[in-house]
Amino acid sequence: MTVTATRAAETGAGPFDHRRTVAANLAGAALAGVAGVGVTWLVARGLGQAPAGAFFAATAAFTLVGTVAKLGTPTGLVYWLARLRAQSDVRLIRPC
């Protein structure tokens, strides 16, 4: 029996311990939150009230435009590929 299998049998965990993954995700989320607050504070203090407001408005507009641009993309791609296969036009489909 390998060391990993022995440790998994002793602790009751499977071959992959999800605790490290959960801890890494939690640490990453905390770091992202702190970084977001830090950037917001730096922009607000560094630019002043009116330019910071314009910066945050532009950031929000960019985020909204990007989100709207992605609406329906996965569904459209699936539909497009299925339609090409149904029409036997596989020359337009190439392997990734």
PDB file of N, CA and C in Angstrom:
ATOM      1  N   MET A   1       0.850  -1.175   0.000  1.00  0.00           N
ATOM      2  CA  MET A   1       0.000   0.000   0.000  1.00  0.00           C
ATOM      3  C   MET A   1       0.896   1.239   0.000  1.00  0.00           C
ATOM      4  N   THR A   2       0.557   2.226  -0.819  1.00  0.00           N
ATOM      5  CA  THR A   2       1.376   3.432  -0.900  1.00  0.00           C
ATOM      6  C   THR A   2       1.110   4.335   0.299  1.00  0.00           C
ATOM      7  N   VAL A   3       1.990   5.313   0.449  1.00  0.00           N
ATOM      8  CA  VAL A   3       1.851   6.250   1.564  1.00  0.00           C
ATOM      9  C   VAL A   3       0.551   7.033   1.444  1.00  0.00           C
ATOM     10  N   THR A   4       0.231   7.462   0.227  1.00  0.00           N
ATOM     11  CA  THR A   4      -0.998   8.226   0.014  1.00  0.00           C
ATOM     12  C   THR A   4      -2.227   7.380   0.347  1.00  0.00           C
ATOM     13  N   ALA A   5      -2.230   6.126  -0.107  1.00  0.00           N
ATOM     14  CA  ALA A   5      -3.361   5.249   0.176  1.00  0.00           C
ATOM     15  C   ALA A   5      -3.460   4.958   1.668  1.00  0.00           C
ATOM     16  N   THR A   6      -2.307   4.800   2.333  1.00  0.00           N
ATOM     17  CA  THR A   6      -2.312   4.548   3.769  1.00  0.00           C
ATOM     18  C   THR A   6      -2.865   5.751   4.518  1.00  0.00           C
ATOM     19  N   ARG A   7      -2.397   6.945   4.147  1.00  0.00           N
ATOM     20  CA  ARG A   7      -2.871   8.164   4.799  1.00  0.00           C
ATOM     21  C   ARG A   7      -4.359   8.369   4.539  1.00  0.00           C
ATOM     22  N   ALA A   8      -4.814   8.073   3.335  1.00  0.00           N
ATOM     23  CA  ALA A   8      -6.232   8.215   3.009  1.00  0.00           C
ATOM     24  C   ALA A   8      -7.066   7.235   3.826  1.00  0.00           C
ATOM     25  N   ALA A   9      -6.543   6.018   4.010  1.00  0.00           N
ATOM     26  CA  ALA A   9      -7.275   5.029   4.799  1.00  0.00           C
ATOM     27  C   ALA A   9      -7.324   5.421   6.269  1.00  0.00           C
ATOM     28  N   GLU A  10      -6.250   6.039   6.758  1.00  0.00           N
ATOM     29  CA  GLU A  10      -6.202   6.438   8.170  1.00  0.00           C
ATOM     30  C   GLU A  10      -7.129   7.615   8.459  1.00  0.00           C
ATOM     31  N   THR A  11      -7.162   8.576   7.556  1.00  0.00           N
ATOM     32  CA  THR A  11      -7.947   9.791   7.798  1.00  0.00           C
ATOM     33  C   THR A  11      -9.375   9.677   7.299  1.00  0.00           C
ATOM     34  N   GLY A  12      -9.657   8.670   6.507  1.00  0.00           N
ATOM     35  CA  GLY A  12     -10.997   8.532   5.960  1.00  0.00           C
ATOM     36  C   GLY A  12     -11.202   9.376   4.717  1.00  0.00           C
ATOM     37  N   ALA A  13     -10.144  10.053   4.266  1.00  0.00           N
ATOM     38  CA  ALA A  13     -10.253  10.875   3.066  1.00  0.00           C
ATOM     39  C   ALA A  13     -10.005  10.009   1.839  1.00  0.00           C
ATOM     40  N   GLY A  14     -10.507  10.456   0.712  1.00  0.00           N
ATOM     41  CA  GLY A  14     -10.282   9.748  -0.532  1.00  0.00           C
ATOM     42  C   GLY A  14      -8.867   9.993  -1.023  1.00  0.00           C
ATOM     43  N   PRO A  15      -8.567   9.525  -2.230  1.00  0.00           N
ATOM     44  CA  PRO A  15      -7.219   9.706  -2.756  1.00  0.00           C
ATOM     45  C   PRO A  15      -6.868  11.173  -2.984  1.00  0.00           C
ATOM     46  N   PHE A  16      -7.875  12.028  -3.109  1.00  0.00           N
ATOM     47  CA  PHE A  16      -7.628  13.463  -3.283  1.00  0.00           C
ATOM     48  C   PHE A  16      -8.266  14.205  -2.125  1.00  0.00           C
ATOM     49  N   ASP A  17      -7.454  14.910  -1.394  1.00  0.00           N
ATOM     50  CA  ASP A  17      -7.947  15.634  -0.223  1.00  0.00           C
ATOM     51  C   ASP A  17      -8.402  17.022  -0.665  1.00  0.00           C
ATOM     52  N   HIS A  18      -9.681  17.299  -0.555  1.00  0.00           N
ATOM     53  CA  HIS A  18     -10.245  18.566  -1.025  1.00  0.00           C
ATOM     54  C   HIS A  18     -10.002  19.715  -0.052  1.00  0.00           C
ATOM     55  N   ARG A  19      -9.502  19.419   1.127  1.00  0.00           N
ATOM     56  CA  ARG A  19      -9.303  20.494   2.103  1.00  0.00           C
ATOM     57  C   ARG A  19      -8.283  21.513   1.618  1.00  0.00           C
ATOM     58  N   ARG A  20      -7.230  21.040   0.955  1.00  0.00           N
ATOM     59  CA  ARG A  20      -6.230  21.984   0.438  1.00  0.00           C
ATOM     60  C   ARG A  20      -6.821  22.855  -0.659  1.00  0.00           C
ATOM     61  N   THR A  21      -7.626  22.258  -1.511  1.00  0.00           N
ATOM     62  CA  THR A  21      -8.252  23.022  -2.582  1.00  0.00           C
ATOM     63  C   THR A  21      -9.203  24.070  -2.025  1.00  0.00           C
ATOM     64  N   VAL A  22      -9.993  23.688  -1.037  1.00  0.00           N
ATOM     65  CA  VAL A  22     -10.922  24.628  -0.414  1.00  0.00           C
ATOM     66  C   VAL A  22     -10.151  25.755   0.258  1.00  0.00           C
ATOM     67  N   ALA A  23      -9.073  25.420   0.953  1.00  0.00           N
ATOM     68  CA  ALA A  23      -8.265  26.440   1.622  1.00  0.00           C
ATOM     69  C   ALA A  23      -7.633  27.389   0.609  1.00  0.00           C
ATOM     70  N   ALA A  24      -7.142  26.847  -0.503  1.00  0.00           N
ATOM     71  CA  ALA A  24      -6.541  27.699  -1.535  1.00  0.00           C
ATOM     72  C   ALA A  24      -7.586  28.612  -2.161  1.00  0.00           C
ATOM     73  N   ASN A  25      -8.787  28.077  -2.425  1.00  0.00           N
ATOM     74  CA  ASN A  25      -9.858  28.912  -2.980  1.00  0.00           C
ATOM     75  C   ASN A  25     -10.276  30.006  -2.014  1.00  0.00           C
ATOM     76  N   LEU A  26     -10.362  29.672  -0.746  1.00  0.00           N
ATOM     77  CA  LEU A  26     -10.733  30.659   0.263  1.00  0.00           C
ATOM     78  C   LEU A  26      -9.673  31.742   0.374  1.00  0.00           C
ATOM     79  N   ALA A  27      -8.405  31.343   0.365  1.00  0.00           N
ATOM     80  CA  ALA A  27      -7.315  32.325   0.428  1.00  0.00           C
ATOM     81  C   ALA A  27      -7.316  33.214  -0.812  1.00  0.00           C
ATOM     82  N   GLY A  28      -7.567  32.630  -1.968  1.00  0.00           N
ATOM     83  CA  GLY A  28      -7.627  33.419  -3.201  1.00  0.00           C
ATOM     84  C   GLY A  28      -8.771  34.410  -3.194  1.00  0.00           C
ATOM     85  N   ALA A  29      -9.916  33.991  -2.694  1.00  0.00           N
ATOM     86  CA  ALA A  29     -11.069  34.898  -2.619  1.00  0.00           C
ATOM     87  C   ALA A  29     -10.798  36.032  -1.640  1.00  0.00           C
ATOM     88  N   ALA A  30     -10.168  35.712  -0.510  1.00  0.00           N
ATOM     89  CA  ALA A  30      -9.835  36.751   0.464  1.00  0.00           C
ATOM     90  C   ALA A  30      -8.828  37.738  -0.119  1.00  0.00           C
ATOM     91  N   LEU A  31      -7.828  37.231  -0.817  1.00  0.00           N
ATOM     92  CA  LEU A  31      -6.827  38.100  -1.443  1.00  0.00           C
ATOM     93  C   LEU A  31      -7.462  38.988  -2.509  1.00  0.00           C
ATOM     94  N   ALA A  32      -8.371  38.425  -3.297  1.00  0.00           N
ATOM     95  CA  ALA A  32      -9.050  39.221  -4.321  1.00  0.00           C
ATOM     96  C   ALA A  32      -9.907  40.315  -3.695  1.00  0.00           C
ATOM     97  N   GLY A  33     -10.579  39.997  -2.598  1.00  0.00           N
ATOM     98  CA  GLY A  33     -11.386  41.006  -1.909  1.00  0.00           C
ATOM     99  C   GLY A  33     -10.540  42.131  -1.356  1.00  0.00           C
ATOM    100  N   VAL A  34      -9.431  41.779  -0.709  1.00  0.00           N
ATOM    101  CA  VAL A  34      -8.530  42.800  -0.147  1.00  0.00           C
ATOM    102  C   VAL A  34      -7.919  43.632  -1.264  1.00  0.00           C
ATOM    103  N   ALA A  35      -7.534  42.992  -2.359  1.00  0.00           N
ATOM    104  CA  ALA A  35      -6.962  43.727  -3.489  1.00  0.00           C
ATOM    105  C   ALA A  35      -7.990  44.673  -4.100  1.00  0.00           C
ATOM    106  N   GLY A  36      -9.243  44.236  -4.203  1.00  0.00           N
ATOM    107  CA  GLY A  36     -10.287  45.106  -4.739  1.00  0.00           C
ATOM    108  C   GLY A  36     -10.506  46.339  -3.887  1.00  0.00           C
ATOM    109  N   VAL A  37     -10.541  46.150  -2.574  1.00  0.00           N
ATOM    110  CA  VAL A  37     -10.688  47.294  -1.663  1.00  0.00           C
ATOM    111  C   VAL A  37      -9.473  48.202  -1.775  1.00  0.00           C
ATOM    112  N   GLY A  38      -8.297  47.607  -1.881  1.00  0.00           N
ATOM    113  CA  GLY A  38      -7.068  48.405  -1.995  1.00  0.00           C
ATOM    114  C   GLY A  38      -7.026  49.231  -3.267  1.00  0.00           C
ATOM    115  N   VAL A  39      -7.384  48.634  -4.380  1.00  0.00           N
ATOM    116  CA  VAL A  39      -7.395  49.371  -5.647  1.00  0.00           C
ATOM    117  C   VAL A  39      -8.436  50.475  -5.611  1.00  0.00           C
ATOM    118  N   THR A  40      -9.599  50.187  -5.052  1.00  0.00           N
ATOM    119  CA  THR A  40     -10.642  51.209  -4.930  1.00  0.00           C
ATOM    120  C   THR A  40     -10.150  52.374  -4.091  1.00  0.00           C
ATOM    121  N   TRP A  41      -9.499  52.085  -2.994  1.00  0.00           N
ATOM    122  CA  TRP A  41      -8.981  53.136  -2.118  1.00  0.00           C
ATOM    123  C   TRP A  41      -7.903  53.946  -2.833  1.00  0.00           C
ATOM    124  N   LEU A  42      -6.982  53.255  -3.524  1.00  0.00           N
ATOM    125  CA  LEU A  42      -5.914  53.971  -4.233  1.00  0.00           C
ATOM    126  C   LEU A  42      -6.465  54.871  -5.334  1.00  0.00           C
ATOM    127  N   VAL A  43      -7.425  54.382  -6.093  1.00  0.00           N
ATOM    128  CA  VAL A  43      -8.000  55.190  -7.177  1.00  0.00           C
ATOM    129  C   VAL A  43      -8.749  56.382  -6.604  1.00  0.00           C
ATOM    130  N   ALA A  44      -9.530  56.152  -5.554  1.00  0.00           N
ATOM    131  CA  ALA A  44     -10.303  57.244  -4.959  1.00  0.00           C
ATOM    132  C   ALA A  44      -9.386  58.304  -4.368  1.00  0.00           C
ATOM    133  N   ARG A  45      -8.329  57.891  -3.708  1.00  0.00           N
ATOM    134  CA  ARG A  45      -7.394  58.854  -3.108  1.00  0.00           C
ATOM    135  C   ARG A  45      -6.486  59.497  -4.142  1.00  0.00           C
ATOM    136  N   GLY A  46      -6.099  58.741  -5.149  1.00  0.00           N
ATOM    137  CA  GLY A  46      -5.128  59.248  -6.115  1.00  0.00           C
ATOM    138  C   GLY A  46      -5.717  60.157  -7.172  1.00  0.00           C
ATOM    139  N   LEU A  47      -6.953  59.923  -7.574  1.00  0.00           N
ATOM    140  CA  LEU A  47      -7.526  60.695  -8.671  1.00  0.00           C
ATOM    141  C   LEU A  47      -8.400  61.854  -8.217  1.00  0.00           C
ATOM    142  N   GLY A  48      -8.982  61.751  -7.073  1.00  0.00           N
ATOM    143  CA  GLY A  48      -9.931  62.776  -6.652  1.00  0.00           C
ATOM    144  C   GLY A  48     -11.350  62.310  -6.925  1.00  0.00           C
ATOM    145  N   GLN A  49     -12.303  63.109  -6.489  1.00  0.00           N
ATOM    146  CA  GLN A  49     -13.692  62.676  -6.528  1.00  0.00           C
ATOM    147  C   GLN A  49     -14.251  62.528  -7.944  1.00  0.00           C
ATOM    148  N   ALA A  50     -14.139  63.546  -8.761  1.00  0.00           N
ATOM    149  CA  ALA A  50     -14.737  63.502 -10.106  1.00  0.00           C
ATOM    150  C   ALA A  50     -14.028  62.501 -11.023  1.00  0.00           C
ATOM    151  N   PRO A  51     -12.691  62.518 -11.113  1.00  0.00           N
ATOM    152  CA  PRO A  51     -12.035  61.526 -11.984  1.00  0.00           C
ATOM    153  C   PRO A  51     -12.231  60.085 -11.502  1.00  0.00           C
ATOM    154  N   ALA A  52     -12.260  59.871 -10.185  1.00  0.00           N
ATOM    155  CA  ALA A  52     -12.494  58.520  -9.671  1.00  0.00           C
ATOM    156  C   ALA A  52     -13.892  58.057 -10.029  1.00  0.00           C
ATOM    157  N   GLY A  53     -14.870  58.946  -9.937  1.00  0.00           N
ATOM    158  CA  GLY A  53     -16.227  58.601 -10.336  1.00  0.00           C
ATOM    159  C   GLY A  53     -16.303  58.247 -11.811  1.00  0.00           C
ATOM    160  N   ALA A  54     -15.598  59.014 -12.647  1.00  0.00           N
ATOM    161  CA  ALA A  54     -15.567  58.711 -14.084  1.00  0.00           C
ATOM    162  C   ALA A  54     -14.886  57.372 -14.340  1.00  0.00           C
ATOM    163  N   PHE A  55     -13.812  57.086 -13.607  1.00  0.00           N
ATOM    164  CA  PHE A  55     -13.102  55.820 -13.748  1.00  0.00           C
ATOM    165  C   PHE A  55     -14.011  54.639 -13.387  1.00  0.00           C
ATOM    166  N   PHE A  56     -14.701  54.754 -12.269  1.00  0.00           N
ATOM    167  CA  PHE A  56     -15.570  53.659 -11.845  1.00  0.00           C
ATOM    168  C   PHE A  56     -16.792  53.522 -12.752  1.00  0.00           C
ATOM    169  N   ALA A  57     -17.294  54.624 -13.281  1.00  0.00           N
ATOM    170  CA  ALA A  57     -18.401  54.554 -14.240  1.00  0.00           C
ATOM    171  C   ALA A  57     -17.950  53.871 -15.532  1.00  0.00           C
ATOM    172  N   ALA A  58     -16.748  54.197 -15.990  1.00  0.00           N
ATOM    173  CA  ALA A  58     -16.212  53.558 -17.197  1.00  0.00           C
ATOM    174  C   ALA A  58     -15.976  52.073 -16.961  1.00  0.00           C
ATOM    175  N   THR A  59     -15.482  51.726 -15.778  1.00  0.00           N
ATOM    176  CA  THR A  59     -15.269  50.317 -15.444  1.00  0.00           C
ATOM    177  C   THR A  59     -16.597  49.559 -15.434  1.00  0.00           C
ATOM    178  N   ALA A  60     -17.621  50.151 -14.840  1.00  0.00           N
ATOM    179  CA  ALA A  60     -18.940  49.512 -14.807  1.00  0.00           C
ATOM    180  C   ALA A  60     -19.518  49.373 -16.215  1.00  0.00           C
ATOM    181  N   ALA A  61     -19.366  50.401 -17.043  1.00  0.00           N
ATOM    182  CA  ALA A  61     -19.876  50.343 -18.414  1.00  0.00           C
ATOM    183  C   ALA A  61     -19.158  49.253 -19.210  1.00  0.00           C
ATOM    184  N   PHE A  62     -17.853  49.156 -19.057  1.00  0.00           N
ATOM    185  CA  PHE A  62     -17.075  48.128 -19.742  1.00  0.00           C
ATOM    186  C   PHE A  62     -17.527  46.738 -19.306  1.00  0.00           C
ATOM    187  N   THR A  63     -17.758  46.549 -18.020  1.00  0.00           N
ATOM    188  CA  THR A  63     -18.210  45.265 -17.500  1.00  0.00           C
ATOM    189  C   THR A  63     -19.585  44.908 -18.059  1.00  0.00           C
ATOM    190  N   LEU A  64     -20.487  45.882 -18.085  1.00  0.00           N
ATOM    191  CA  LEU A  64     -21.829  45.634 -18.623  1.00  0.00           C
ATOM    192  C   LEU A  64     -21.798  45.303 -20.108  1.00  0.00           C
ATOM    193  N   VAL A  65     -21.009  46.040 -20.881  1.00  0.00           N
ATOM    194  CA  VAL A  65     -20.915  45.780 -22.318  1.00  0.00           C
ATOM    195  C   VAL A  65     -20.336  44.389 -22.565  1.00  0.00           C
ATOM    196  N   GLY A  66     -19.306  44.017 -21.808  1.00  0.00           N
ATOM    197  CA  GLY A  66     -18.723  42.689 -21.959  1.00  0.00           C
ATOM    198  C   GLY A  66     -19.694  41.585 -21.609  1.00  0.00           C
ATOM    199  N   THR A  67     -20.471  41.785 -20.567  1.00  0.00           N
ATOM    200  CA  THR A  67     -21.454  40.781 -20.159  1.00  0.00           C
ATOM    201  C   THR A  67     -22.558  40.645 -21.196  1.00  0.00           C
ATOM    202  N   VAL A  68     -23.053  41.753 -21.698  1.00  0.00           N
ATOM    203  CA  VAL A  68     -24.103  41.712 -22.719  1.00  0.00           C
ATOM    204  C   VAL A  68     -23.570  41.078 -24.001  1.00  0.00           C
ATOM    205  N   ALA A  69     -22.311  41.351 -24.344  1.00  0.00           N
ATOM    206  CA  ALA A  69     -21.727  40.787 -25.561  1.00  0.00           C
ATOM    207  C   ALA A  69     -21.614  39.269 -25.481  1.00  0.00           C
ATOM    208  N   LYS A  70     -21.471  38.731 -24.269  1.00  0.00           N
ATOM    209  CA  LYS A  70     -21.339  37.282 -24.108  1.00  0.00           C
ATOM    210  C   LYS A  70     -22.675  36.560 -24.002  1.00  0.00           C
ATOM    211  N   LEU A  71     -23.774  37.278 -23.902  1.00  0.00           N
ATOM    212  CA  LEU A  71     -25.079  36.639 -23.744  1.00  0.00           C
ATOM    213  C   LEU A  71     -25.388  35.734 -24.928  1.00  0.00           C
ATOM    214  N   GLY A  72     -25.693  34.503 -24.651  1.00  0.00           N
ATOM    215  CA  GLY A  72     -26.080  33.560 -25.690  1.00  0.00           C
ATOM    216  C   GLY A  72     -24.938  32.941 -26.458  1.00  0.00           C
ATOM    217  N   THR A  73     -23.706  33.300 -26.165  1.00  0.00           N
ATOM    218  CA  THR A  73     -22.581  32.765 -26.922  1.00  0.00           C
ATOM    219  C   THR A  73     -22.470  31.252 -26.806  1.00  0.00           C
ATOM    220  N   PRO A  74     -22.501  30.663 -25.597  1.00  0.00           N
ATOM    221  CA  PRO A  74     -22.399  29.191 -25.530  1.00  0.00           C
ATOM    222  C   PRO A  74     -23.534  28.489 -26.268  1.00  0.00           C
ATOM    223  N   THR A  75     -24.750  28.993 -26.134  1.00  0.00           N
ATOM    224  CA  THR A  75     -25.884  28.382 -26.815  1.00  0.00           C
ATOM    225  C   THR A  75     -25.738  28.522 -28.327  1.00  0.00           C
ATOM    226  N   GLY A  76     -25.302  29.684 -28.767  1.00  0.00           N
ATOM    227  CA  GLY A  76     -25.112  29.902 -30.201  1.00  0.00           C
ATOM    228  C   GLY A  76     -24.044  29.010 -30.788  1.00  0.00           C
ATOM    229  N   LEU A  77     -22.957  28.799 -30.057  1.00  0.00           N
ATOM    230  CA  LEU A  77     -21.901  27.928 -30.555  1.00  0.00           C
ATOM    231  C   LEU A  77     -22.366  26.483 -30.644  1.00  0.00           C
ATOM    232  N   VAL A  78     -23.104  26.034 -29.647  1.00  0.00           N
ATOM    233  CA  VAL A  78     -23.620  24.660 -29.678  1.00  0.00           C
ATOM    234  C   VAL A  78     -24.594  24.498 -30.837  1.00  0.00           C
ATOM    235  N   TYR A  79     -25.470  25.473 -31.026  1.00  0.00           N
ATOM    236  CA  TYR A  79     -26.440  25.415 -32.113  1.00  0.00           C
ATOM    237  C   TYR A  79     -25.732  25.413 -33.464  1.00  0.00           C
ATOM    238  N   TRP A  80     -24.730  26.278 -33.613  1.00  0.00           N
ATOM    239  CA  TRP A  80     -24.003  26.402 -34.872  1.00  0.00           C
ATOM    240  C   TRP A  80     -23.294  25.097 -35.223  1.00  0.00           C
ATOM    241  N   LEU A  81     -22.613  24.488 -34.245  1.00  0.00           N
ATOM    242  CA  LEU A  81     -21.922  23.230 -34.505  1.00  0.00           C
ATOM    243  C   LEU A  81     -22.909  22.110 -34.828  1.00  0.00           C
ATOM    244  N   ALA A  82     -24.009  22.041 -34.089  1.00  0.00           N
ATOM    245  CA  ALA A  82     -25.010  21.008 -34.356  1.00  0.00           C
ATOM    246  C   ALA A  82     -25.629  21.183 -35.740  1.00  0.00           C
ATOM    247  N   ARG A  83     -25.885  22.418 -36.148  1.00  0.00           N
ATOM    248  CA  ARG A  83     -26.464  22.681 -37.462  1.00  0.00           C
ATOM    249  C   ARG A  83     -25.499  22.290 -38.575  1.00  0.00           C
ATOM    250  N   LEU A  84     -24.189  22.591 -38.396  1.00  0.00           N
ATOM    251  CA  LEU A  84     -23.208  22.206 -39.402  1.00  0.00           C
ATOM    252  C   LEU A  84     -23.120  20.684 -39.531  1.00  0.00           C
ATOM    253  N   ARG A  85     -23.170  19.991 -38.402  1.00  0.00           N
ATOM    254  CA  ARG A  85     -23.126  18.521 -38.454  1.00  0.00           C
ATOM    255  C   ARG A  85     -24.382  17.964 -39.105  1.00  0.00           C
ATOM    256  N   ALA A  86     -25.536  18.543 -38.809  1.00  0.00           N
ATOM    257  CA  ALA A  86     -26.789  18.064 -39.383  1.00  0.00           C
ATOM    258  C   ALA A  86     -26.822  18.280 -40.891  1.00  0.00           C
ATOM    259  N   GLN A  87     -26.193  19.355 -41.355  1.00  0.00           N
ATOM    260  CA  GLN A  87     -26.155  19.643 -42.785  1.00  0.00           C
ATOM    261  C   GLN A  87     -25.000  18.935 -43.480  1.00  0.00           C
ATOM    262  N   SER A  88     -24.256  18.142 -42.726  1.00  0.00           N
ATOM    263  CA  SER A  88     -23.081  17.421 -43.249  1.00  0.00           C
ATOM    264  C   SER A  88     -22.043  18.365 -43.839  1.00  0.00           C
ATOM    265  N   ASP A  89     -21.927  19.528 -43.243  1.00  0.00           N
ATOM    266  CA  ASP A  89     -20.937  20.516 -43.674  1.00  0.00           C
ATOM    267  C   ASP A  89     -19.789  20.537 -42.667  1.00  0.00           C
ATOM    268  N   VAL A  90     -19.146  19.392 -42.501  1.00  0.00           N
ATOM    269  CA  VAL A  90     -18.120  19.262 -41.465  1.00  0.00           C
ATOM    270  C   VAL A  90     -16.789  19.876 -41.868  1.00  0.00           C
ATOM    271  N   ARG A  91     -16.646  20.366 -43.084  1.00  0.00           N
ATOM    272  CA  ARG A  91     -15.385  20.989 -43.484  1.00  0.00           C
ATOM    273  C   ARG A  91     -15.132  22.266 -42.689  1.00  0.00           C
ATOM    274  N   LEU A  92     -16.214  22.890 -42.175  1.00  0.00           N
ATOM    275  CA  LEU A  92     -16.061  24.087 -41.368  1.00  0.00           C
ATOM    276  C   LEU A  92     -15.740  23.779 -39.906  1.00  0.00           C
ATOM    277  N   ILE A  93     -15.894  22.508 -39.533  1.00  0.00           N
ATOM    278  CA  ILE A  93     -15.575  22.097 -38.158  1.00  0.00           C
ATOM    279  C   ILE A  93     -14.218  21.449 -38.178  1.00  0.00           C
ATOM    280  N   ARG A  94     -13.305  21.985 -37.420  1.00  0.00           N
ATOM    281  CA  ARG A  94     -11.977  21.382 -37.355  1.00  0.00           C
ATOM    282  C   ARG A  94     -11.665  21.044 -35.907  1.00  0.00           C
ATOM    283  N   PRO A  95     -10.820  20.070 -35.691  1.00  0.00           N
ATOM    284  CA  PRO A  95     -10.483  19.709 -34.314  1.00  0.00           C
ATOM    285  C   PRO A  95      -9.697  20.828 -33.639  1.00  0.00           C
ATOM    286  N   CYS A  96      -9.885  20.952 -32.356  1.00  0.00           N
ATOM    287  CA  CYS A  96      -9.171  21.977 -31.597  1.00  0.00           C
ATOM    288  C   CYS A  96      -7.767  21.523 -31.285  1.00  0.00           C
TER     289      CYS A  96
END
